[in-house]
Amino acid sequence: MDKLPEKIVIKINGEAKNDSEGGSLSQTPEKEIAAGKAEAPATDGRKTRKMPPAIWRNSYRPKRKTGTGGRKNAPYPAFAAVGAAVAAGILIGFFLLNLMLKEEQPNRENAAAPKEPAAEAAETAELPEMAFYIFQAGYFKNEDSLNKMVEDLKGKNLSAKTVKDADHYRVFIGVADSLERGKEMRKSLSLYSETWPAEVKAGEKRIARLTREEKIFLEKAPEIYKRLVEKAVSRYMNSPSAVSDAEILRDMEEIRAMELKNEKVLRLRNALVNAYQQWEGFEKAGKEKAWRHIQENLTDFVEAYFHLS
């Protein structure tokens, strides 16, 4: 066995140091150890990886390799999550905006559209001249005299109505179906003994701004009135009538079903319907009482018809 050298020399950063400087390293083969370098161990022919310098060895971190092919690990899941959140936000915003626009669109259209008169109230009725036969109680030009007579008649429980004929006013308390029948009734009924039958004409009328049903009613009302007066007078006078009960009933059912809004038109219908109801109860209410109620409503129809405009 070879004898080991008694002195070991160590080189540090190129300077030789013996074992007496910095400590004893006895019985150790002489070797050169350079700072920051290490002698590569013996291999069996395979390539070995060199270690990085000590000065930056601790900070070195090799990059990970993922999957096959050794591609770098990119943060795709994070980007996908952010993209999905942005897309969801855009879709929700678009949905809400579309919903708001749909709700506002009708309001904009209503605000922008000019208001036009309803088509239902755009009808016009052309009414021909119509003759009425009345039991006239007075004929006045002075309104004070007219009003005084109306109050006197009401004090006698008589239904006094007025119509204007040219520049005079006529006061009347009843109606008949013809001038001849009126003269006959005046002779036989004390109620009309102080009156005289007269014919009064309502001129042609043009009534605008009506609904379709109001126009139809006004065109039919005069004939319904004539039939109802003829039927009531014939019954009161115990004479035969040319108008059947079924015909009167059909008239009433038709006008009752009509949807009327015009106040003047409504007054005409109410007068006809109420007169018919009194005629239906002619026997139950008593002849004289029922007749007075019928006449009250028929005279109201005449007055209302004159006031149509």
C-alpha atoms as a PDB file:
ATOM      1  CA  MET A   1       0.000   0.000   0.000  1.00  0.00           C
ATOM      2  CA  ASP A   2       1.271   3.461  -0.959  1.00  0.00           C
ATOM      3  CA  LYS A   3       1.966   5.830   1.852  1.00  0.00           C
ATOM      4  CA  LEU A   4      -0.318   8.903   1.990  1.00  0.00           C
ATOM      5  CA  PRO A   5       1.302  12.284   1.802  1.00  0.00           C
ATOM      6  CA  GLU A   6       1.790  14.028   5.069  1.00  0.00           C
ATOM      7  CA  LYS A   7       0.736  17.424   3.783  1.00  0.00           C
ATOM      8  CA  ILE A   8      -2.511  18.290   2.025  1.00  0.00           C
ATOM      9  CA  VAL A   9      -2.718  21.445  -0.011  1.00  0.00           C
ATOM     10  CA  ILE A  10      -6.185  22.965  -0.693  1.00  0.00           C
ATOM     11  CA  LYS A  11      -6.746  25.597  -3.344  1.00  0.00           C
ATOM     12  CA  ILE A  12      -9.545  28.053  -2.674  1.00  0.00           C
ATOM     13  CA  ASN A  13     -10.224  30.600  -5.378  1.00  0.00           C
ATOM     14  CA  GLY A  14      -6.865  29.808  -6.895  1.00  0.00           C
ATOM     15  CA  GLU A  15      -4.851  30.289  -3.658  1.00  0.00           C
ATOM     16  CA  ALA A  16      -3.094  27.378  -2.021  1.00  0.00           C
ATOM     17  CA  LYS A  17      -3.877  26.655   1.603  1.00  0.00           C
ATOM     18  CA  ASN A  18      -2.221  24.047   3.788  1.00  0.00           C
ATOM     19  CA  ASP A  19      -4.035  22.106   6.407  1.00  0.00           C
ATOM     20  CA  SER A  20      -2.700  24.311   9.126  1.00  0.00           C
ATOM     21  CA  GLU A  21      -4.737  27.282   7.836  1.00  0.00           C
ATOM     22  CA  GLY A  22      -8.340  26.893   8.693  1.00  0.00           C
ATOM     23  CA  GLY A  23      -8.179  23.443  10.303  1.00  0.00           C
ATOM     24  CA  SER A  24      -6.593  20.013   9.907  1.00  0.00           C
ATOM     25  CA  LEU A  25      -7.503  17.667   7.137  1.00  0.00           C
ATOM     26  CA  SER A  26      -5.243  14.779   7.999  1.00  0.00           C
ATOM     27  CA  GLN A  27      -5.089  11.569   6.089  1.00  0.00           C
ATOM     28  CA  THR A  28      -6.993  13.013   3.078  1.00  0.00           C
ATOM     29  CA  PRO A  29      -5.731  12.693  -0.488  1.00  0.00           C
ATOM     30  CA  GLU A  30      -4.600  15.905  -2.100  1.00  0.00           C
ATOM     31  CA  LYS A  31      -7.363  17.317  -4.241  1.00  0.00           C
ATOM     32  CA  GLU A  32      -8.105  20.561  -5.955  1.00  0.00           C
ATOM     33  CA  ILE A  33     -11.469  21.986  -5.068  1.00  0.00           C
ATOM     34  CA  ALA A  34     -12.391  25.141  -6.858  1.00  0.00           C
ATOM     35  CA  ALA A  35     -15.013  27.415  -5.320  1.00  0.00           C
ATOM     36  CA  GLY A  36     -18.291  26.956  -7.049  1.00  0.00           C
ATOM     37  CA  LYS A  37     -17.092  23.795  -8.908  1.00  0.00           C
ATOM     38  CA  ALA A  38     -17.538  20.115  -8.176  1.00  0.00           C
ATOM     39  CA  GLU A  39     -15.808  17.218  -9.738  1.00  0.00           C
ATOM     40  CA  ALA A  40     -18.126  15.187 -11.911  1.00  0.00           C
ATOM     41  CA  PRO A  41     -18.609  11.683 -10.634  1.00  0.00           C
ATOM     42  CA  ALA A  42     -17.575   8.752 -12.718  1.00  0.00           C
ATOM     43  CA  THR A  43     -20.245   7.452 -15.087  1.00  0.00           C
ATOM     44  CA  ASP A  44     -20.701   4.392 -17.168  1.00  0.00           C
ATOM     45  CA  GLY A  45     -20.667   6.333 -20.412  1.00  0.00           C
ATOM     46  CA  ARG A  46     -24.086   7.996 -20.037  1.00  0.00           C
ATOM     47  CA  LYS A  47     -24.399  11.741 -20.352  1.00  0.00           C
ATOM     48  CA  THR A  48     -24.764  13.578 -17.109  1.00  0.00           C
ATOM     49  CA  ARG A  49     -26.391  16.950 -16.435  1.00  0.00           C
ATOM     50  CA  LYS A  50     -24.117  19.668 -15.265  1.00  0.00           C
ATOM     51  CA  MET A  51     -25.184  21.354 -12.055  1.00  0.00           C
ATOM     52  CA  PRO A  52     -25.668  25.130 -12.284  1.00  0.00           C
ATOM     53  CA  PRO A  53     -23.303  27.416 -10.451  1.00  0.00           C
ATOM     54  CA  ALA A  54     -23.884  27.637  -6.720  1.00  0.00           C
ATOM     55  CA  ILE A  55     -24.444  31.372  -6.921  1.00  0.00           C
ATOM     56  CA  TRP A  56     -27.820  30.904  -8.624  1.00  0.00           C
ATOM     57  CA  ARG A  57     -28.510  27.239  -7.938  1.00  0.00           C
ATOM     58  CA  ASN A  58     -31.032  27.888  -5.184  1.00  0.00           C
ATOM     59  CA  SER A  59     -33.124  30.232  -7.377  1.00  0.00           C
ATOM     60  CA  TYR A  60     -33.276  27.867 -10.279  1.00  0.00           C
ATOM     61  CA  ARG A  61     -36.609  26.094 -10.753  1.00  0.00           C
ATOM     62  CA  PRO A  62     -37.034  23.992 -13.851  1.00  0.00           C
ATOM     63  CA  LYS A  63     -40.328  24.558 -15.751  1.00  0.00           C
ATOM     64  CA  ARG A  64     -42.890  21.823 -15.629  1.00  0.00           C
ATOM     65  CA  LYS A  65     -43.774  19.871 -18.673  1.00  0.00           C
ATOM     66  CA  THR A  66     -47.322  18.674 -19.104  1.00  0.00           C
ATOM     67  CA  GLY A  67     -48.900  16.058 -21.211  1.00  0.00           C
ATOM     68  CA  THR A  68     -47.332  14.525 -24.225  1.00  0.00           C
ATOM     69  CA  GLY A  69     -45.146  16.557 -26.459  1.00  0.00           C
ATOM     70  CA  GLY A  70     -43.702  18.538 -23.600  1.00  0.00           C
ATOM     71  CA  ARG A  71     -45.975  21.660 -24.111  1.00  0.00           C
ATOM     72  CA  LYS A  72     -45.986  24.318 -21.451  1.00  0.00           C
ATOM     73  CA  ASN A  73     -48.937  24.413 -19.015  1.00  0.00           C
ATOM     74  CA  ALA A  74     -50.998  27.515 -20.095  1.00  0.00           C
ATOM     75  CA  PRO A  75     -53.762  28.867 -17.812  1.00  0.00           C
ATOM     76  CA  TYR A  76     -56.603  27.842 -20.150  1.00  0.00           C
ATOM     77  CA  PRO A  77     -59.157  27.056 -17.371  1.00  0.00           C
ATOM     78  CA  ALA A  78     -58.870  30.610 -15.983  1.00  0.00           C
ATOM     79  CA  PHE A  79     -59.270  32.187 -19.432  1.00  0.00           C
ATOM     80  CA  ALA A  80     -62.258  29.930 -20.157  1.00  0.00           C
ATOM     81  CA  ALA A  81     -63.975  30.903 -16.876  1.00  0.00           C
ATOM     82  CA  VAL A  82     -63.487  34.609 -17.525  1.00  0.00           C
ATOM     83  CA  GLY A  83     -64.764  34.248 -21.099  1.00  0.00           C
ATOM     84  CA  ALA A  84     -67.824  32.320 -19.948  1.00  0.00           C
ATOM     85  CA  ALA A  85     -68.630  34.972 -17.330  1.00  0.00           C
ATOM     86  CA  VAL A  86     -68.301  37.772 -19.896  1.00  0.00           C
ATOM     87  CA  ALA A  87     -70.475  35.908 -22.397  1.00  0.00           C
ATOM     88  CA  ALA A  88     -73.133  35.248 -19.742  1.00  0.00           C
ATOM     89  CA  GLY A  89     -73.145  38.912 -18.751  1.00  0.00           C
ATOM     90  CA  ILE A  90     -73.567  39.998 -22.363  1.00  0.00           C
ATOM     91  CA  LEU A  91     -76.468  37.584 -22.898  1.00  0.00           C
ATOM     92  CA  ILE A  92     -78.254  38.700 -19.727  1.00  0.00           C
ATOM     93  CA  GLY A  93     -77.755  42.353 -20.633  1.00  0.00           C
ATOM     94  CA  PHE A  94     -79.077  41.781 -24.141  1.00  0.00           C
ATOM     95  CA  PHE A  95     -82.140  39.949 -22.773  1.00  0.00           C
ATOM     96  CA  LEU A  96     -82.969  42.735 -20.294  1.00  0.00           C
ATOM     97  CA  LEU A  97     -82.484  45.430 -22.930  1.00  0.00           C
ATOM     98  CA  ASN A  98     -84.752  43.610 -25.348  1.00  0.00           C
ATOM     99  CA  LEU A  99     -87.404  43.214 -22.647  1.00  0.00           C
ATOM    100  CA  MET A 100     -87.298  46.935 -21.800  1.00  0.00           C
ATOM    101  CA  LEU A 101     -87.582  47.918 -25.447  1.00  0.00           C
ATOM    102  CA  LYS A 102     -90.631  45.698 -25.899  1.00  0.00           C
ATOM    103  CA  GLU A 103     -92.346  47.282 -22.897  1.00  0.00           C
ATOM    104  CA  GLU A 104     -91.575  50.818 -24.039  1.00  0.00           C
ATOM    105  CA  GLN A 105     -92.596  50.301 -27.673  1.00  0.00           C
ATOM    106  CA  PRO A 106     -96.410  50.308 -27.103  1.00  0.00           C
ATOM    107  CA  ASN A 107     -96.110  53.419 -24.925  1.00  0.00           C
ATOM    108  CA  ARG A 108     -94.126  55.200 -27.624  1.00  0.00           C
ATOM    109  CA  GLU A 109     -96.655  54.233 -30.263  1.00  0.00           C
ATOM    110  CA  ASN A 110     -99.549  55.406 -28.101  1.00  0.00           C
ATOM    111  CA  ALA A 111     -97.801  58.680 -27.324  1.00  0.00           C
ATOM    112  CA  ALA A 112     -96.870  59.292 -30.942  1.00  0.00           C
ATOM    113  CA  ALA A 113    -100.214  58.319 -32.451  1.00  0.00           C
ATOM    114  CA  PRO A 114    -102.589  61.293 -32.678  1.00  0.00           C
ATOM    115  CA  LYS A 115    -105.898  60.859 -30.956  1.00  0.00           C
ATOM    116  CA  GLU A 116    -108.733  60.436 -33.409  1.00  0.00           C
ATOM    117  CA  PRO A 117    -112.449  60.432 -32.696  1.00  0.00           C
ATOM    118  CA  ALA A 118    -113.715  56.943 -32.039  1.00  0.00           C
ATOM    119  CA  ALA A 119    -115.105  55.295 -35.146  1.00  0.00           C
ATOM    120  CA  GLU A 120    -118.146  54.160 -33.165  1.00  0.00           C
ATOM    121  CA  ALA A 121    -119.218  57.793 -32.542  1.00  0.00           C
ATOM    122  CA  ALA A 122    -118.821  58.958 -36.134  1.00  0.00           C
ATOM    123  CA  GLU A 123    -122.321  58.139 -37.448  1.00  0.00           C
ATOM    124  CA  THR A 124    -124.892  60.700 -38.563  1.00  0.00           C
ATOM    125  CA  ALA A 125    -128.667  60.197 -38.609  1.00  0.00           C
ATOM    126  CA  GLU A 126    -130.836  61.996 -41.172  1.00  0.00           C
ATOM    127  CA  LEU A 127    -134.381  62.264 -39.779  1.00  0.00           C
ATOM    128  CA  PRO A 128    -137.313  63.425 -41.923  1.00  0.00           C
ATOM    129  CA  GLU A 129    -140.026  65.824 -40.822  1.00  0.00           C
ATOM    130  CA  MET A 130    -142.427  64.221 -38.373  1.00  0.00           C
ATOM    131  CA  ALA A 131    -145.967  65.208 -37.360  1.00  0.00           C
ATOM    132  CA  PHE A 132    -147.217  64.795 -33.781  1.00  0.00           C
ATOM    133  CA  TYR A 133    -150.830  65.109 -32.591  1.00  0.00           C
ATOM    134  CA  ILE A 134    -151.145  66.734 -29.211  1.00  0.00           C
ATOM    135  CA  PHE A 135    -153.794  67.929 -26.751  1.00  0.00           C
ATOM    136  CA  GLN A 136    -152.761  71.551 -26.609  1.00  0.00           C
ATOM    137  CA  ALA A 137    -153.473  73.523 -23.444  1.00  0.00           C
ATOM    138  CA  GLY A 138    -151.833  76.818 -24.372  1.00  0.00           C
ATOM    139  CA  TYR A 139    -150.025  78.720 -27.103  1.00  0.00           C
ATOM    140  CA  PHE A 140    -147.669  81.468 -25.948  1.00  0.00           C
ATOM    141  CA  LYS A 141    -145.065  83.818 -27.224  1.00  0.00           C
ATOM    142  CA  ASN A 142    -144.211  85.173 -23.803  1.00  0.00           C
ATOM    143  CA  GLU A 143    -142.141  82.764 -21.728  1.00  0.00           C
ATOM    144  CA  ASP A 144    -143.440  84.130 -18.414  1.00  0.00           C
ATOM    145  CA  SER A 145    -147.019  83.243 -19.381  1.00  0.00           C
ATOM    146  CA  LEU A 146    -145.798  79.865 -20.589  1.00  0.00           C
ATOM    147  CA  ASN A 147    -144.079  79.040 -17.292  1.00  0.00           C
ATOM    148  CA  LYS A 148    -147.099  80.140 -15.259  1.00  0.00           C
ATOM    149  CA  MET A 149    -149.424  77.808 -17.147  1.00  0.00           C
ATOM    150  CA  VAL A 150    -146.998  74.877 -16.813  1.00  0.00           C
ATOM    151  CA  GLU A 151    -146.944  75.321 -13.032  1.00  0.00           C
ATOM    152  CA  ASP A 152    -150.761  75.517 -12.882  1.00  0.00           C
ATOM    153  CA  LEU A 153    -151.137  72.272 -14.834  1.00  0.00           C
ATOM    154  CA  LYS A 154    -148.587  70.453 -12.703  1.00  0.00           C
ATOM    155  CA  GLY A 155    -150.574  71.571  -9.662  1.00  0.00           C
ATOM    156  CA  LYS A 156    -153.527  69.614 -11.112  1.00  0.00           C
ATOM    157  CA  ASN A 157    -151.352  66.472 -11.429  1.00  0.00           C
ATOM    158  CA  LEU A 158    -151.147  66.848 -15.170  1.00  0.00           C
ATOM    159  CA  SER A 159    -147.928  66.253 -17.055  1.00  0.00           C
ATOM    160  CA  ALA A 160    -147.400  69.509 -18.934  1.00  0.00           C
ATOM    161  CA  LYS A 161    -144.757  69.567 -21.682  1.00  0.00           C
ATOM    162  CA  THR A 162    -143.683  72.312 -24.075  1.00  0.00           C
ATOM    163  CA  VAL A 163    -142.374  72.505 -27.624  1.00  0.00           C
ATOM    164  CA  LYS A 164    -141.260  75.500 -29.627  1.00  0.00           C
ATOM    165  CA  ASP A 165    -143.049  76.031 -32.924  1.00  0.00           C
ATOM    166  CA  ALA A 166    -141.512  78.895 -34.920  1.00  0.00           C
ATOM    167  CA  ASP A 167    -141.556  81.853 -32.516  1.00  0.00           C
ATOM    168  CA  HIS A 168    -144.287  80.441 -30.219  1.00  0.00           C
ATOM    169  CA  TYR A 169    -144.408  77.839 -27.469  1.00  0.00           C
ATOM    170  CA  ARG A 170    -147.080  75.154 -27.272  1.00  0.00           C
ATOM    171  CA  VAL A 171    -148.077  73.645 -23.944  1.00  0.00           C
ATOM    172  CA  PHE A 172    -149.694  70.178 -24.142  1.00  0.00           C
ATOM    173  CA  ILE A 173    -150.795  67.436 -21.731  1.00  0.00           C
ATOM    174  CA  GLY A 174    -151.399  64.431 -23.979  1.00  0.00           C
ATOM    175  CA  VAL A 175    -150.980  62.870 -27.409  1.00  0.00           C
ATOM    176  CA  ALA A 176    -153.159  61.015 -29.900  1.00  0.00           C
ATOM    177  CA  ASP A 177    -152.399  58.857 -32.916  1.00  0.00           C
ATOM    178  CA  SER A 178    -154.242  61.169 -35.329  1.00  0.00           C
ATOM    179  CA  LEU A 179    -156.024  64.498 -35.395  1.00  0.00           C
ATOM    180  CA  GLU A 180    -159.423  62.799 -35.904  1.00  0.00           C
ATOM    181  CA  ARG A 181    -158.850  60.445 -32.940  1.00  0.00           C
ATOM    182  CA  GLY A 182    -157.832  63.439 -30.841  1.00  0.00           C
ATOM    183  CA  LYS A 183    -161.103  65.236 -31.577  1.00  0.00           C
ATOM    184  CA  GLU A 184    -163.041  62.104 -30.671  1.00  0.00           C
ATOM    185  CA  MET A 185    -161.180  61.753 -27.372  1.00  0.00           C
ATOM    186  CA  ARG A 186    -161.720  65.397 -26.455  1.00  0.00           C
ATOM    187  CA  LYS A 187    -165.470  64.941 -26.716  1.00  0.00           C
ATOM    188  CA  SER A 188    -165.594  61.785 -24.642  1.00  0.00           C
ATOM    189  CA  LEU A 189    -162.929  62.424 -22.028  1.00  0.00           C
ATOM    190  CA  SER A 190    -163.228  65.198 -19.455  1.00  0.00           C
ATOM    191  CA  LEU A 191    -159.440  65.142 -19.052  1.00  0.00           C
ATOM    192  CA  TYR A 192    -159.091  66.900 -22.422  1.00  0.00           C
ATOM    193  CA  SER A 193    -162.239  69.001 -22.386  1.00  0.00           C
ATOM    194  CA  GLU A 194    -160.268  72.224 -21.869  1.00  0.00           C
ATOM    195  CA  THR A 195    -157.729  71.409 -24.587  1.00  0.00           C
ATOM    196  CA  TRP A 196    -157.922  71.191 -28.356  1.00  0.00           C
ATOM    197  CA  PRO A 197    -156.233  68.712 -30.653  1.00  0.00           C
ATOM    198  CA  ALA A 198    -153.462  70.170 -32.759  1.00  0.00           C
ATOM    199  CA  GLU A 199    -150.876  68.998 -35.213  1.00  0.00           C
ATOM    200  CA  VAL A 200    -147.296  70.101 -34.606  1.00  0.00           C
ATOM    201  CA  LYS A 201    -144.396  69.221 -36.860  1.00  0.00           C
ATOM    202  CA  ALA A 202    -140.776  68.629 -35.994  1.00  0.00           C
ATOM    203  CA  GLY A 203    -138.612  69.653 -38.926  1.00  0.00           C
ATOM    204  CA  GLU A 204    -135.933  67.598 -40.582  1.00  0.00           C
ATOM    205  CA  LYS A 205    -133.028  66.801 -38.306  1.00  0.00           C
ATOM    206  CA  ARG A 206    -129.405  65.881 -38.841  1.00  0.00           C
ATOM    207  CA  ILE A 207    -127.876  64.352 -35.713  1.00  0.00           C
ATOM    208  CA  ALA A 208    -124.101  63.773 -35.809  1.00  0.00           C
ATOM    209  CA  ARG A 209    -121.536  62.070 -33.571  1.00  0.00           C
ATOM    210  CA  LEU A 210    -123.645  58.985 -32.948  1.00  0.00           C
ATOM    211  CA  THR A 211    -122.714  55.377 -32.497  1.00  0.00           C
ATOM    212  CA  ARG A 212    -123.999  52.853 -34.975  1.00  0.00           C
ATOM    213  CA  GLU A 213    -126.705  51.646 -32.603  1.00  0.00           C
ATOM    214  CA  GLU A 214    -127.768  55.201 -31.712  1.00  0.00           C
ATOM    215  CA  LYS A 215    -128.243  55.965 -35.394  1.00  0.00           C
ATOM    216  CA  ILE A 216    -130.330  52.816 -35.874  1.00  0.00           C
ATOM    217  CA  PHE A 217    -132.457  53.687 -32.855  1.00  0.00           C
ATOM    218  CA  LEU A 218    -133.180  57.246 -34.031  1.00  0.00           C
ATOM    219  CA  GLU A 219    -134.201  55.984 -37.454  1.00  0.00           C
ATOM    220  CA  LYS A 220    -136.620  53.456 -35.906  1.00  0.00           C
ATOM    221  CA  ALA A 221    -137.880  55.479 -32.934  1.00  0.00           C
ATOM    222  CA  PRO A 222    -140.536  57.570 -34.773  1.00  0.00           C
ATOM    223  CA  GLU A 223    -142.295  54.457 -36.148  1.00  0.00           C
ATOM    224  CA  ILE A 224    -142.088  52.688 -32.796  1.00  0.00           C
ATOM    225  CA  TYR A 225    -143.639  55.767 -31.168  1.00  0.00           C
ATOM    226  CA  LYS A 226    -146.513  55.777 -33.686  1.00  0.00           C
ATOM    227  CA  ARG A 227    -147.255  52.090 -33.128  1.00  0.00           C
ATOM    228  CA  LEU A 228    -147.140  52.453 -29.360  1.00  0.00           C
ATOM    229  CA  VAL A 229    -149.474  55.505 -29.381  1.00  0.00           C
ATOM    230  CA  GLU A 230    -151.954  53.749 -31.686  1.00  0.00           C
ATOM    231  CA  LYS A 231    -151.952  50.634 -29.494  1.00  0.00           C
ATOM    232  CA  ALA A 232    -152.378  52.595 -26.237  1.00  0.00           C
ATOM    233  CA  VAL A 233    -155.161  54.872 -27.555  1.00  0.00           C
ATOM    234  CA  SER A 234    -157.059  51.928 -29.057  1.00  0.00           C
ATOM    235  CA  ARG A 235    -156.914  50.073 -25.783  1.00  0.00           C
ATOM    236  CA  TYR A 236    -157.999  53.079 -23.766  1.00  0.00           C
ATOM    237  CA  MET A 237    -160.874  53.760 -26.176  1.00  0.00           C
ATOM    238  CA  ASN A 238    -161.798  50.048 -26.387  1.00  0.00           C
ATOM    239  CA  SER A 239    -161.419  50.058 -30.144  1.00  0.00           C
ATOM    240  CA  PRO A 240    -159.634  47.557 -32.410  1.00  0.00           C
ATOM    241  CA  SER A 241    -155.950  48.144 -33.118  1.00  0.00           C
ATOM    242  CA  ALA A 242    -154.008  47.548 -36.319  1.00  0.00           C
ATOM    243  CA  VAL A 243    -150.864  46.882 -34.235  1.00  0.00           C
ATOM    244  CA  SER A 244    -150.364  43.440 -32.670  1.00  0.00           C
ATOM    245  CA  ASP A 245    -149.045  42.826 -29.190  1.00  0.00           C
ATOM    246  CA  ALA A 246    -146.213  40.736 -30.663  1.00  0.00           C
ATOM    247  CA  GLU A 247    -145.123  43.651 -32.841  1.00  0.00           C
ATOM    248  CA  ILE A 248    -144.919  46.016 -29.868  1.00  0.00           C
ATOM    249  CA  LEU A 249    -143.062  43.404 -27.827  1.00  0.00           C
ATOM    250  CA  ARG A 250    -140.543  42.897 -30.637  1.00  0.00           C
ATOM    251  CA  ASP A 251    -139.943  46.658 -30.810  1.00  0.00           C
ATOM    252  CA  MET A 252    -139.266  46.860 -27.079  1.00  0.00           C
ATOM    253  CA  GLU A 253    -136.899  43.906 -27.044  1.00  0.00           C
ATOM    254  CA  GLU A 254    -134.907  45.390 -29.901  1.00  0.00           C
ATOM    255  CA  ILE A 255    -134.429  48.863 -28.416  1.00  0.00           C
ATOM    256  CA  ARG A 256    -133.752  47.529 -24.910  1.00  0.00           C
ATOM    257  CA  ALA A 257    -130.811  45.521 -26.260  1.00  0.00           C
ATOM    258  CA  MET A 258    -129.203  48.567 -27.875  1.00  0.00           C
ATOM    259  CA  GLU A 259    -126.138  50.115 -26.223  1.00  0.00           C
ATOM    260  CA  LEU A 260    -126.852  53.850 -26.130  1.00  0.00           C
ATOM    261  CA  LYS A 261    -124.669  56.574 -24.565  1.00  0.00           C
ATOM    262  CA  ASN A 262    -126.031  59.868 -25.911  1.00  0.00           C
ATOM    263  CA  GLU A 263    -128.179  61.423 -23.180  1.00  0.00           C
ATOM    264  CA  LYS A 264    -130.792  62.802 -25.569  1.00  0.00           C
ATOM    265  CA  VAL A 265    -131.117  59.447 -27.301  1.00  0.00           C
ATOM    266  CA  LEU A 266    -131.363  57.681 -23.948  1.00  0.00           C
ATOM    267  CA  ARG A 267    -134.228  59.973 -22.941  1.00  0.00           C
ATOM    268  CA  LEU A 268    -136.174  58.961 -26.052  1.00  0.00           C
ATOM    269  CA  ARG A 269    -135.677  55.258 -25.388  1.00  0.00           C
ATOM    270  CA  ASN A 270    -136.612  55.576 -21.714  1.00  0.00           C
ATOM    271  CA  ALA A 271    -139.822  57.337 -22.677  1.00  0.00           C
ATOM    272  CA  LEU A 272    -140.847  54.510 -25.037  1.00  0.00           C
ATOM    273  CA  VAL A 273    -139.854  51.695 -22.680  1.00  0.00           C
ATOM    274  CA  ASN A 274    -141.594  53.265 -19.672  1.00  0.00           C
ATOM    275  CA  ALA A 275    -144.764  53.893 -21.699  1.00  0.00           C
ATOM    276  CA  TYR A 276    -144.797  50.233 -22.754  1.00  0.00           C
ATOM    277  CA  GLN A 277    -144.354  49.065 -19.163  1.00  0.00           C
ATOM    278  CA  GLN A 278    -147.374  51.145 -18.126  1.00  0.00           C
ATOM    279  CA  TRP A 279    -149.331  49.731 -21.036  1.00  0.00           C
ATOM    280  CA  GLU A 280    -148.468  46.184 -19.891  1.00  0.00           C
ATOM    281  CA  GLY A 281    -149.920  46.975 -16.445  1.00  0.00           C
ATOM    282  CA  PHE A 282    -152.980  48.669 -17.872  1.00  0.00           C
ATOM    283  CA  GLU A 283    -155.469  46.357 -16.168  1.00  0.00           C
ATOM    284  CA  LYS A 284    -153.562  45.927 -12.894  1.00  0.00           C
ATOM    285  CA  ALA A 285    -152.934  49.619 -12.265  1.00  0.00           C
ATOM    286  CA  GLY A 286    -156.395  50.719 -13.336  1.00  0.00           C
ATOM    287  CA  LYS A 287    -157.425  52.277 -16.614  1.00  0.00           C
ATOM    288  CA  GLU A 288    -157.263  55.947 -15.660  1.00  0.00           C
ATOM    289  CA  LYS A 289    -154.055  55.769 -13.626  1.00  0.00           C
ATOM    290  CA  ALA A 290    -152.238  53.677 -16.243  1.00  0.00           C
ATOM    291  CA  TRP A 291    -153.393  56.035 -18.993  1.00  0.00           C
ATOM    292  CA  ARG A 292    -152.016  59.074 -17.204  1.00  0.00           C
ATOM    293  CA  HIS A 293    -148.605  57.354 -16.774  1.00  0.00           C
ATOM    294  CA  ILE A 294    -148.578  56.285 -20.422  1.00  0.00           C
ATOM    295  CA  GLN A 295    -149.352  59.823 -21.540  1.00  0.00           C
ATOM    296  CA  GLU A 296    -146.697  61.242 -19.249  1.00  0.00           C
ATOM    297  CA  ASN A 297    -144.033  59.156 -21.009  1.00  0.00           C
ATOM    298  CA  LEU A 298    -145.368  59.653 -24.543  1.00  0.00           C
ATOM    299  CA  THR A 299    -145.470  63.443 -24.118  1.00  0.00           C
ATOM    300  CA  ASP A 300    -141.919  63.270 -22.771  1.00  0.00           C
ATOM    301  CA  PHE A 301    -140.891  61.532 -26.013  1.00  0.00           C
ATOM    302  CA  VAL A 302    -142.390  64.362 -28.079  1.00  0.00           C
ATOM    303  CA  GLU A 303    -140.633  67.059 -26.036  1.00  0.00           C
ATOM    304  CA  ALA A 304    -137.310  65.196 -26.208  1.00  0.00           C
ATOM    305  CA  TYR A 305    -137.624  64.671 -29.968  1.00  0.00           C
ATOM    306  CA  PHE A 306    -138.070  68.421 -30.535  1.00  0.00           C
ATOM    307  CA  HIS A 307    -134.903  69.067 -28.521  1.00  0.00           C
ATOM    308  CA  LEU A 308    -132.775  66.763 -30.664  1.00  0.00           C
ATOM    309  CA  SER A 309    -129.968  68.608 -32.413  1.00  0.00           C
END
